[in-house]
């Protein structure tokens, strides 16, 4: 697997990546994820060539393999802004192609809890999303890009999003070689606990479709209590808190010894720079997890 970390620009500054990429190479990482959602490479659904050139200059000189995480706001279950989401995804596919990056991470859609309980309406939205994903996968294929659709969790108590098994079912029905998945283990853990589902069983359904992993620890607890600042969510162990491996209680040993994952995919840590001092340690932990695979 290609073990790496998400790059973290300060205030969208692409030039920050230069040292970060070098640091990752120095500690033996093999990959990095570019957070396109934090950059100004796309403005008003148009590519800003100056920004793209800066990014291309950095990636082109690196030995790392890169993936790209597209806009967090893309939501193909959103009827009102569906066309906007599609246009943004198309531009992100173009950016991937120009940078010679073949993995574009994008989120599975989400909707209101109320809408999800109206089965007819929800099924209609899911059908539209599948149709659009198929069309986008065809475009992605022309550009040599794979859409890696990520399982998420409800961001508020009024939201609903699919469990890993539903994501897997949708990908099977889309049935296109350029529509695959990203497993986010913490997202799955939180959503499975919310819906009283078994984490391992749910993840097993996604594994055959998976080309990219988002790895970070948590306690699988949906955030219900207000805190003064984000670090206090860590103190209380709630929410999607992006911890180093072993700081939460996701059963990673069991996951990697059970799931039938491909061995040449991206193993990407989503850790902030507050944990940079633990990056090397987490690479070693990743290698141990990979050694547990079938």
C-alpha atoms as a PDB file:
ATOM      1  CA  UNK A   1       0.000   0.000   0.000  1.00  0.00           C
ATOM      2  CA  UNK A   2       0.990   3.608  -0.596  1.00  0.00           C
ATOM      3  CA  UNK A   3       1.217   5.039   2.939  1.00  0.00           C
ATOM      4  CA  UNK A   4       0.897   8.810   3.197  1.00  0.00           C
ATOM      5  CA  UNK A   5      -0.762  11.860   4.706  1.00  0.00           C
ATOM      6  CA  UNK A   6      -3.097  14.666   3.715  1.00  0.00           C
ATOM      7  CA  UNK A   7      -1.217  17.894   2.999  1.00  0.00           C
ATOM      8  CA  UNK A   8      -2.242  20.925   5.069  1.00  0.00           C
ATOM      9  CA  UNK A   9      -1.879  24.451   3.613  1.00  0.00           C
ATOM     10  CA  UNK A  10      -2.031  27.520   5.819  1.00  0.00           C
ATOM     11  CA  UNK A  11      -4.803  29.763   4.525  1.00  0.00           C
ATOM     12  CA  UNK A  12      -4.834  27.983   1.161  1.00  0.00           C
ATOM     13  CA  UNK A  13      -1.154  28.648   0.442  1.00  0.00           C
ATOM     14  CA  UNK A  14      -0.010  26.021  -2.081  1.00  0.00           C
ATOM     15  CA  UNK A  15       3.642  26.917  -1.473  1.00  0.00           C
ATOM     16  CA  UNK A  16       3.338  25.337   1.989  1.00  0.00           C
ATOM     17  CA  UNK A  17       3.223  21.984   0.238  1.00  0.00           C
ATOM     18  CA  UNK A  18       6.829  22.253  -0.928  1.00  0.00           C
ATOM     19  CA  UNK A  19       8.320  21.620   2.522  1.00  0.00           C
ATOM     20  CA  UNK A  20       5.532  19.245   3.533  1.00  0.00           C
ATOM     21  CA  UNK A  21       6.131  17.004   0.533  1.00  0.00           C
ATOM     22  CA  UNK A  22       9.862  16.971   1.260  1.00  0.00           C
ATOM     23  CA  UNK A  23       9.201  16.123   4.917  1.00  0.00           C
ATOM     24  CA  UNK A  24       6.985  13.197   3.900  1.00  0.00           C
ATOM     25  CA  UNK A  25       9.639  11.883   1.550  1.00  0.00           C
ATOM     26  CA  UNK A  26      12.236  12.172   4.330  1.00  0.00           C
ATOM     27  CA  UNK A  27      10.229  10.016   6.762  1.00  0.00           C
ATOM     28  CA  UNK A  28       9.589   7.324   4.165  1.00  0.00           C
ATOM     29  CA  UNK A  29       6.007   8.088   3.154  1.00  0.00           C
ATOM     30  CA  UNK A  30       4.994   6.927  -0.298  1.00  0.00           C
ATOM     31  CA  UNK A  31       2.016   9.162  -0.992  1.00  0.00           C
ATOM     32  CA  UNK A  32       0.158  12.362  -0.159  1.00  0.00           C
ATOM     33  CA  UNK A  33      -3.417  13.542  -0.551  1.00  0.00           C
ATOM     34  CA  UNK A  34      -3.969  17.030  -1.969  1.00  0.00           C
ATOM     35  CA  UNK A  35      -6.919  18.804  -0.277  1.00  0.00           C
ATOM     36  CA  UNK A  36      -8.341  20.605  -3.297  1.00  0.00           C
ATOM     37  CA  UNK A  37     -11.165  21.850  -1.052  1.00  0.00           C
ATOM     38  CA  UNK A  38      -8.661  24.075   0.804  1.00  0.00           C
ATOM     39  CA  UNK A  39      -7.103  25.610  -2.316  1.00  0.00           C
ATOM     40  CA  UNK A  40      -7.972  28.283  -4.891  1.00  0.00           C
ATOM     41  CA  UNK A  41      -7.204  26.100  -7.901  1.00  0.00           C
ATOM     42  CA  UNK A  42     -10.878  26.326  -8.904  1.00  0.00           C
ATOM     43  CA  UNK A  43     -12.721  29.647  -8.693  1.00  0.00           C
ATOM     44  CA  UNK A  44     -16.288  30.078  -9.903  1.00  0.00           C
ATOM     45  CA  UNK A  45     -16.060  26.614 -11.490  1.00  0.00           C
ATOM     46  CA  UNK A  46     -13.060  27.715 -13.563  1.00  0.00           C
ATOM     47  CA  UNK A  47      -9.469  26.540 -13.202  1.00  0.00           C
ATOM     48  CA  UNK A  48      -7.052  29.259 -12.073  1.00  0.00           C
ATOM     49  CA  UNK A  49      -3.973  28.469 -14.131  1.00  0.00           C
ATOM     50  CA  UNK A  50      -1.497  30.337 -11.908  1.00  0.00           C
ATOM     51  CA  UNK A  51      -2.563  28.320  -8.864  1.00  0.00           C
ATOM     52  CA  UNK A  52      -2.549  25.076 -10.823  1.00  0.00           C
ATOM     53  CA  UNK A  53       0.954  25.837 -12.117  1.00  0.00           C
ATOM     54  CA  UNK A  54       2.218  26.282  -8.549  1.00  0.00           C
ATOM     55  CA  UNK A  55       0.724  22.943  -7.565  1.00  0.00           C
ATOM     56  CA  UNK A  56       2.011  21.179 -10.668  1.00  0.00           C
ATOM     57  CA  UNK A  57       5.523  22.476 -10.042  1.00  0.00           C
ATOM     58  CA  UNK A  58       5.514  20.843  -6.599  1.00  0.00           C
ATOM     59  CA  UNK A  59       3.919  17.517  -7.513  1.00  0.00           C
ATOM     60  CA  UNK A  60       5.962  17.175 -10.683  1.00  0.00           C
ATOM     61  CA  UNK A  61       9.245  17.213  -8.750  1.00  0.00           C
ATOM     62  CA  UNK A  62       8.156  14.754  -6.059  1.00  0.00           C
ATOM     63  CA  UNK A  63       8.639  10.998  -5.841  1.00  0.00           C
ATOM     64  CA  UNK A  64       5.356  10.650  -3.937  1.00  0.00           C
ATOM     65  CA  UNK A  65       2.183   9.254  -5.463  1.00  0.00           C
ATOM     66  CA  UNK A  66      -0.683  11.721  -5.134  1.00  0.00           C
ATOM     67  CA  UNK A  67      -4.425  11.482  -4.694  1.00  0.00           C
ATOM     68  CA  UNK A  68      -6.808  14.445  -4.633  1.00  0.00           C
ATOM     69  CA  UNK A  69      -9.699  15.073  -2.259  1.00  0.00           C
ATOM     70  CA  UNK A  70     -12.361  17.116  -3.998  1.00  0.00           C
ATOM     71  CA  UNK A  71     -14.732  19.680  -2.525  1.00  0.00           C
ATOM     72  CA  UNK A  72     -16.363  18.664   0.754  1.00  0.00           C
ATOM     73  CA  UNK A  73     -19.563  20.452  -0.245  1.00  0.00           C
ATOM     74  CA  UNK A  74     -20.210  18.299  -3.320  1.00  0.00           C
ATOM     75  CA  UNK A  75     -23.492  16.500  -2.644  1.00  0.00           C
ATOM     76  CA  UNK A  76     -25.293  14.686  -5.450  1.00  0.00           C
ATOM     77  CA  UNK A  77     -28.389  14.192  -3.275  1.00  0.00           C
ATOM     78  CA  UNK A  78     -28.840  17.969  -3.220  1.00  0.00           C
ATOM     79  CA  UNK A  79     -31.563  18.764  -5.774  1.00  0.00           C
ATOM     80  CA  UNK A  80     -31.314  22.538  -5.563  1.00  0.00           C
ATOM     81  CA  UNK A  81     -27.606  22.791  -6.401  1.00  0.00           C
ATOM     82  CA  UNK A  82     -27.112  19.506  -8.250  1.00  0.00           C
ATOM     83  CA  UNK A  83     -25.829  21.096 -11.458  1.00  0.00           C
ATOM     84  CA  UNK A  84     -23.315  23.182  -9.502  1.00  0.00           C
ATOM     85  CA  UNK A  85     -21.977  20.080  -7.758  1.00  0.00           C
ATOM     86  CA  UNK A  86     -21.633  18.282 -11.090  1.00  0.00           C
ATOM     87  CA  UNK A  87     -19.758  21.186 -12.697  1.00  0.00           C
ATOM     88  CA  UNK A  88     -17.354  21.359  -9.754  1.00  0.00           C
ATOM     89  CA  UNK A  89     -16.681  17.622  -9.985  1.00  0.00           C
ATOM     90  CA  UNK A  90     -15.991  17.917 -13.708  1.00  0.00           C
ATOM     91  CA  UNK A  91     -13.405  20.621 -13.055  1.00  0.00           C
ATOM     92  CA  UNK A  92     -11.844  18.516 -10.305  1.00  0.00           C
ATOM     93  CA  UNK A  93     -11.517  15.619 -12.737  1.00  0.00           C
ATOM     94  CA  UNK A  94      -9.722  17.981 -15.141  1.00  0.00           C
ATOM     95  CA  UNK A  95      -7.338  19.093 -12.398  1.00  0.00           C
ATOM     96  CA  UNK A  96      -6.539  15.469 -11.577  1.00  0.00           C
ATOM     97  CA  UNK A  97      -5.743  14.764 -15.206  1.00  0.00           C
ATOM     98  CA  UNK A  98      -3.463  17.796 -15.587  1.00  0.00           C
ATOM     99  CA  UNK A  99      -1.552  16.792 -12.441  1.00  0.00           C
ATOM    100  CA  UNK A 100      -1.382  13.153 -13.570  1.00  0.00           C
ATOM    101  CA  UNK A 101      -3.323  12.068 -10.470  1.00  0.00           C
ATOM    102  CA  UNK A 102      -5.662   9.133 -11.009  1.00  0.00           C
ATOM    103  CA  UNK A 103      -7.607   9.142  -7.714  1.00  0.00           C
ATOM    104  CA  UNK A 104     -10.300  11.742  -6.940  1.00  0.00           C
ATOM    105  CA  UNK A 105     -11.992  11.342  -3.568  1.00  0.00           C
ATOM    106  CA  UNK A 106     -15.555  12.661  -3.371  1.00  0.00           C
ATOM    107  CA  UNK A 107     -18.261  12.209  -0.749  1.00  0.00           C
ATOM    108  CA  UNK A 108     -21.393  10.083  -1.053  1.00  0.00           C
ATOM    109  CA  UNK A 109     -24.448  12.326  -0.841  1.00  0.00           C
ATOM    110  CA  UNK A 110     -26.383  13.268   2.266  1.00  0.00           C
ATOM    111  CA  UNK A 111     -29.880  14.565   2.866  1.00  0.00           C
ATOM    112  CA  UNK A 112     -32.216  15.493   5.690  1.00  0.00           C
ATOM    113  CA  UNK A 113     -33.378  12.845   8.123  1.00  0.00           C
ATOM    114  CA  UNK A 114     -36.951  13.777   7.199  1.00  0.00           C
ATOM    115  CA  UNK A 115     -36.299  13.148   3.491  1.00  0.00           C
ATOM    116  CA  UNK A 116     -34.623   9.804   4.218  1.00  0.00           C
ATOM    117  CA  UNK A 117     -37.801   8.600   5.945  1.00  0.00           C
ATOM    118  CA  UNK A 118     -39.837   9.289   2.789  1.00  0.00           C
ATOM    119  CA  UNK A 119     -38.774   6.139   0.943  1.00  0.00           C
ATOM    120  CA  UNK A 120     -40.193   7.178  -2.422  1.00  0.00           C
ATOM    121  CA  UNK A 121     -38.435  10.547  -2.353  1.00  0.00           C
ATOM    122  CA  UNK A 122     -35.178   9.115  -1.021  1.00  0.00           C
ATOM    123  CA  UNK A 123     -35.091   6.387  -3.672  1.00  0.00           C
ATOM    124  CA  UNK A 124     -35.666   9.035  -6.340  1.00  0.00           C
ATOM    125  CA  UNK A 125     -32.688  11.065  -5.085  1.00  0.00           C
ATOM    126  CA  UNK A 126     -30.492   7.960  -4.918  1.00  0.00           C
ATOM    127  CA  UNK A 127     -31.472   7.034  -8.467  1.00  0.00           C
ATOM    128  CA  UNK A 128     -30.474  10.504  -9.715  1.00  0.00           C
ATOM    129  CA  UNK A 129     -27.177  10.301  -7.835  1.00  0.00           C
ATOM    130  CA  UNK A 130     -26.355   6.911  -9.382  1.00  0.00           C
ATOM    131  CA  UNK A 131     -27.156   8.231 -12.854  1.00  0.00           C
ATOM    132  CA  UNK A 132     -24.904  11.263 -12.339  1.00  0.00           C
ATOM    133  CA  UNK A 133     -22.080   9.189 -10.867  1.00  0.00           C
ATOM    134  CA  UNK A 134     -22.213   6.925 -13.928  1.00  0.00           C
ATOM    135  CA  UNK A 135     -22.035   9.916 -16.277  1.00  0.00           C
ATOM    136  CA  UNK A 136     -19.153  11.398 -14.286  1.00  0.00           C
ATOM    137  CA  UNK A 137     -17.346   8.047 -14.213  1.00  0.00           C
ATOM    138  CA  UNK A 138     -17.498   7.967 -18.019  1.00  0.00           C
ATOM    139  CA  UNK A 139     -15.928  11.425 -18.128  1.00  0.00           C
ATOM    140  CA  UNK A 140     -13.354  10.404 -15.523  1.00  0.00           C
ATOM    141  CA  UNK A 141     -12.379   7.385 -17.618  1.00  0.00           C
ATOM    142  CA  UNK A 142     -11.532   9.639 -20.568  1.00  0.00           C
ATOM    143  CA  UNK A 143      -9.219  11.604 -18.278  1.00  0.00           C
ATOM    144  CA  UNK A 144      -7.659   8.521 -16.659  1.00  0.00           C
ATOM    145  CA  UNK A 145      -9.234   9.287 -13.273  1.00  0.00           C
ATOM    146  CA  UNK A 146     -11.082   7.045 -10.805  1.00  0.00           C
ATOM    147  CA  UNK A 147     -13.842   8.524  -8.638  1.00  0.00           C
ATOM    148  CA  UNK A 148     -13.372   7.141  -5.124  1.00  0.00           C
ATOM    149  CA  UNK A 149     -16.698   7.751  -3.408  1.00  0.00           C
ATOM    150  CA  UNK A 150     -16.286   8.070   0.348  1.00  0.00           C
ATOM    151  CA  UNK A 151     -18.662   6.928   3.067  1.00  0.00           C
ATOM    152  CA  UNK A 152     -19.495   9.777   5.435  1.00  0.00           C
ATOM    153  CA  UNK A 153     -21.616  10.216   8.573  1.00  0.00           C
ATOM    154  CA  UNK A 154     -24.483  12.597   9.444  1.00  0.00           C
ATOM    155  CA  UNK A 155     -22.963  15.955  10.296  1.00  0.00           C
ATOM    156  CA  UNK A 156     -25.948  16.930  12.454  1.00  0.00           C
ATOM    157  CA  UNK A 157     -28.798  15.102  14.152  1.00  0.00           C
ATOM    158  CA  UNK A 158     -31.052  16.345  11.336  1.00  0.00           C
ATOM    159  CA  UNK A 159     -29.002  14.703   8.581  1.00  0.00           C
ATOM    160  CA  UNK A 160     -28.911  11.223   7.073  1.00  0.00           C
ATOM    161  CA  UNK A 161     -26.286   9.483   4.980  1.00  0.00           C
ATOM    162  CA  UNK A 162     -25.725   5.941   3.821  1.00  0.00           C
ATOM    163  CA  UNK A 163     -24.029   3.171   5.746  1.00  0.00           C
ATOM    164  CA  UNK A 164     -21.059   1.476   4.024  1.00  0.00           C
ATOM    165  CA  UNK A 165     -23.319  -1.361   2.840  1.00  0.00           C
ATOM    166  CA  UNK A 166     -25.590   1.094   1.020  1.00  0.00           C
ATOM    167  CA  UNK A 167     -22.580   2.839  -0.531  1.00  0.00           C
ATOM    168  CA  UNK A 168     -21.340  -0.567  -1.705  1.00  0.00           C
ATOM    169  CA  UNK A 169     -24.749  -1.483  -3.129  1.00  0.00           C
ATOM    170  CA  UNK A 170     -24.860   1.781  -5.077  1.00  0.00           C
ATOM    171  CA  UNK A 171     -21.365   1.302  -6.493  1.00  0.00           C
ATOM    172  CA  UNK A 172     -22.297  -2.215  -7.607  1.00  0.00           C
ATOM    173  CA  UNK A 173     -25.387  -0.842  -9.344  1.00  0.00           C
ATOM    174  CA  UNK A 174     -23.427   1.980 -11.000  1.00  0.00           C
ATOM    175  CA  UNK A 175     -21.159  -0.779 -12.298  1.00  0.00           C
ATOM    176  CA  UNK A 176     -18.452   1.367 -13.870  1.00  0.00           C
ATOM    177  CA  UNK A 177     -14.699   0.708 -13.544  1.00  0.00           C
ATOM    178  CA  UNK A 178     -14.066   4.381 -12.762  1.00  0.00           C
ATOM    179  CA  UNK A 179     -16.555   4.556  -9.887  1.00  0.00           C
ATOM    180  CA  UNK A 180     -14.927   3.009  -6.813  1.00  0.00           C
ATOM    181  CA  UNK A 181     -14.819   3.799  -3.099  1.00  0.00           C
ATOM    182  CA  UNK A 182     -12.809   5.372  -0.309  1.00  0.00           C
ATOM    183  CA  UNK A 183     -13.305   3.808   3.113  1.00  0.00           C
ATOM    184  CA  UNK A 184     -13.175   6.276   5.987  1.00  0.00           C
ATOM    185  CA  UNK A 185     -13.004   4.085   9.074  1.00  0.00           C
ATOM    186  CA  UNK A 186     -13.982   6.754  11.595  1.00  0.00           C
ATOM    187  CA  UNK A 187     -16.963   7.865   9.503  1.00  0.00           C
ATOM    188  CA  UNK A 188     -18.089   4.246   9.290  1.00  0.00           C
ATOM    189  CA  UNK A 189     -17.626   3.722  13.032  1.00  0.00           C
ATOM    190  CA  UNK A 190     -19.739   6.755  13.939  1.00  0.00           C
ATOM    191  CA  UNK A 191     -22.501   5.931  11.446  1.00  0.00           C
ATOM    192  CA  UNK A 192     -22.616   2.244  12.413  1.00  0.00           C
ATOM    193  CA  UNK A 193     -22.944   3.135  16.087  1.00  0.00           C
ATOM    194  CA  UNK A 194     -25.691   5.651  15.276  1.00  0.00           C
ATOM    195  CA  UNK A 195     -27.643   3.042  13.325  1.00  0.00           C
ATOM    196  CA  UNK A 196     -26.766   0.054  15.567  1.00  0.00           C
ATOM    197  CA  UNK A 197     -24.934  -1.846  12.830  1.00  0.00           C
ATOM    198  CA  UNK A 198     -21.838  -4.051  13.027  1.00  0.00           C
ATOM    199  CA  UNK A 199     -18.770  -2.129  11.860  1.00  0.00           C
ATOM    200  CA  UNK A 200     -16.805  -5.065  10.438  1.00  0.00           C
ATOM    201  CA  UNK A 201     -19.764  -6.481   8.506  1.00  0.00           C
ATOM    202  CA  UNK A 202     -20.501  -3.079   7.014  1.00  0.00           C
ATOM    203  CA  UNK A 203     -16.887  -2.472   6.005  1.00  0.00           C
ATOM    204  CA  UNK A 204     -16.615  -5.909   4.417  1.00  0.00           C
ATOM    205  CA  UNK A 205     -19.220  -4.894   1.844  1.00  0.00           C
ATOM    206  CA  UNK A 206     -17.142  -1.895   0.711  1.00  0.00           C
ATOM    207  CA  UNK A 207     -13.739  -3.582   0.633  1.00  0.00           C
ATOM    208  CA  UNK A 208     -13.979  -5.099  -2.886  1.00  0.00           C
ATOM    209  CA  UNK A 209     -14.678  -1.656  -4.396  1.00  0.00           C
ATOM    210  CA  UNK A 210     -12.041   0.240  -2.442  1.00  0.00           C
ATOM    211  CA  UNK A 211      -9.038   1.999  -4.006  1.00  0.00           C
ATOM    212  CA  UNK A 212      -8.292   4.504  -1.240  1.00  0.00           C
ATOM    213  CA  UNK A 213      -8.377   4.556   2.569  1.00  0.00           C
ATOM    214  CA  UNK A 214      -8.830   7.418   5.021  1.00  0.00           C
ATOM    215  CA  UNK A 215      -7.201   6.382   8.265  1.00  0.00           C
ATOM    216  CA  UNK A 216      -7.471   8.126  11.639  1.00  0.00           C
ATOM    217  CA  UNK A 217      -8.788   7.052  15.022  1.00  0.00           C
ATOM    218  CA  UNK A 218     -11.848   8.026  17.059  1.00  0.00           C
ATOM    219  CA  UNK A 219     -14.280   6.585  19.591  1.00  0.00           C
ATOM    220  CA  UNK A 220     -17.176   6.286  17.151  1.00  0.00           C
ATOM    221  CA  UNK A 221     -19.309   8.682  19.177  1.00  0.00           C
ATOM    222  CA  UNK A 222     -21.564  11.145  17.394  1.00  0.00           C
ATOM    223  CA  UNK A 223     -21.004  14.618  18.826  1.00  0.00           C
ATOM    224  CA  UNK A 224     -23.947  15.615  21.017  1.00  0.00           C
ATOM    225  CA  UNK A 225     -22.364  17.927  23.591  1.00  0.00           C
ATOM    226  CA  UNK A 226     -21.244  21.475  22.843  1.00  0.00           C
ATOM    227  CA  UNK A 227     -17.596  22.144  23.629  1.00  0.00           C
ATOM    228  CA  UNK A 228     -15.706  25.400  23.960  1.00  0.00           C
ATOM    229  CA  UNK A 229     -12.988  24.531  21.424  1.00  0.00           C
ATOM    230  CA  UNK A 230     -12.282  21.537  19.165  1.00  0.00           C
ATOM    231  CA  UNK A 231      -9.532  19.995  21.358  1.00  0.00           C
ATOM    232  CA  UNK A 232     -12.176  19.472  24.032  1.00  0.00           C
ATOM    233  CA  UNK A 233     -13.965  17.103  21.651  1.00  0.00           C
ATOM    234  CA  UNK A 234     -10.782  15.054  21.910  1.00  0.00           C
ATOM    235  CA  UNK A 235     -10.911  15.328  25.705  1.00  0.00           C
ATOM    236  CA  UNK A 236     -14.483  14.025  25.753  1.00  0.00           C
ATOM    237  CA  UNK A 237     -13.898  11.532  22.933  1.00  0.00           C
ATOM    238  CA  UNK A 238     -16.756  12.663  20.718  1.00  0.00           C
ATOM    239  CA  UNK A 239     -17.098  13.316  17.014  1.00  0.00           C
ATOM    240  CA  UNK A 240     -14.849  12.706  14.021  1.00  0.00           C
ATOM    241  CA  UNK A 241     -11.695  13.812  15.832  1.00  0.00           C
ATOM    242  CA  UNK A 242      -8.950  12.517  13.496  1.00  0.00           C
ATOM    243  CA  UNK A 243      -6.626  10.980  16.084  1.00  0.00           C
ATOM    244  CA  UNK A 244      -3.360   9.087  15.560  1.00  0.00           C
ATOM    245  CA  UNK A 245      -3.726   5.308  15.552  1.00  0.00           C
ATOM    246  CA  UNK A 246      -4.241   3.874  19.031  1.00  0.00           C
ATOM    247  CA  UNK A 247      -5.626   7.047  20.581  1.00  0.00           C
ATOM    248  CA  UNK A 248      -9.223   5.987  19.954  1.00  0.00           C
ATOM    249  CA  UNK A 249     -10.784   2.532  19.960  1.00  0.00           C
ATOM    250  CA  UNK A 250     -11.407   1.662  16.302  1.00  0.00           C
ATOM    251  CA  UNK A 251     -10.519  -2.070  16.065  1.00  0.00           C
ATOM    252  CA  UNK A 252      -7.928  -1.639  13.315  1.00  0.00           C
ATOM    253  CA  UNK A 253      -6.194  -4.985  13.956  1.00  0.00           C
ATOM    254  CA  UNK A 254      -9.467  -6.831  13.475  1.00  0.00           C
ATOM    255  CA  UNK A 255     -10.377  -4.722  10.449  1.00  0.00           C
ATOM    256  CA  UNK A 256      -7.128  -5.355   8.584  1.00  0.00           C
ATOM    257  CA  UNK A 257      -7.032  -9.049   9.444  1.00  0.00           C
ATOM    258  CA  UNK A 258     -10.643  -9.469   8.255  1.00  0.00           C
ATOM    259  CA  UNK A 259     -11.220  -7.192   5.258  1.00  0.00           C
ATOM    260  CA  UNK A 260     -10.230  -8.386   1.804  1.00  0.00           C
ATOM    261  CA  UNK A 261      -8.564  -5.145   0.705  1.00  0.00           C
ATOM    262  CA  UNK A 262      -6.343  -4.723  -2.328  1.00  0.00           C
ATOM    263  CA  UNK A 263      -2.662  -4.452  -1.491  1.00  0.00           C
ATOM    264  CA  UNK A 264      -1.700  -1.647  -3.878  1.00  0.00           C
ATOM    265  CA  UNK A 265      -4.172   1.052  -2.778  1.00  0.00           C
ATOM    266  CA  UNK A 266      -3.660   4.363  -0.953  1.00  0.00           C
ATOM    267  CA  UNK A 267      -3.391   4.200   2.859  1.00  0.00           C
ATOM    268  CA  UNK A 268      -3.881   7.884   3.662  1.00  0.00           C
ATOM    269  CA  UNK A 269      -3.693   9.308   7.168  1.00  0.00           C
ATOM    270  CA  UNK A 270      -5.948  12.320   7.700  1.00  0.00           C
ATOM    271  CA  UNK A 271      -4.036  13.875  10.582  1.00  0.00           C
ATOM    272  CA  UNK A 272      -3.510  17.568  11.276  1.00  0.00           C
ATOM    273  CA  UNK A 273      -0.093  19.099  11.897  1.00  0.00           C
ATOM    274  CA  UNK A 274      -0.723  19.026  15.657  1.00  0.00           C
ATOM    275  CA  UNK A 275       0.196  15.339  15.257  1.00  0.00           C
ATOM    276  CA  UNK A 276       3.124  15.777  12.873  1.00  0.00           C
ATOM    277  CA  UNK A 277       5.497  14.543  15.585  1.00  0.00           C
ATOM    278  CA  UNK A 278       3.687  11.180  15.390  1.00  0.00           C
ATOM    279  CA  UNK A 279       3.763  10.785  11.596  1.00  0.00           C
ATOM    280  CA  UNK A 280       6.755   8.407  11.568  1.00  0.00           C
ATOM    281  CA  UNK A 281       5.243   6.357  14.382  1.00  0.00           C
ATOM    282  CA  UNK A 282       1.996   6.039  12.455  1.00  0.00           C
ATOM    283  CA  UNK A 283       3.804   4.885   9.317  1.00  0.00           C
ATOM    284  CA  UNK A 284       5.233   2.000  11.349  1.00  0.00           C
ATOM    285  CA  UNK A 285       1.786   1.210  12.760  1.00  0.00           C
ATOM    286  CA  UNK A 286       0.392   1.239   9.222  1.00  0.00           C
ATOM    287  CA  UNK A 287       3.004  -1.285   8.117  1.00  0.00           C
ATOM    288  CA  UNK A 288       2.007  -3.587  10.983  1.00  0.00           C
ATOM    289  CA  UNK A 289      -1.660  -3.346   9.996  1.00  0.00           C
ATOM    290  CA  UNK A 290      -0.834  -4.089   6.368  1.00  0.00           C
ATOM    291  CA  UNK A 291       1.115  -7.170   7.489  1.00  0.00           C
ATOM    292  CA  UNK A 292      -2.124  -8.521   9.023  1.00  0.00           C
ATOM    293  CA  UNK A 293      -3.899  -8.541   5.664  1.00  0.00           C
ATOM    294  CA  UNK A 294      -4.910 -11.791   4.029  1.00  0.00           C
END
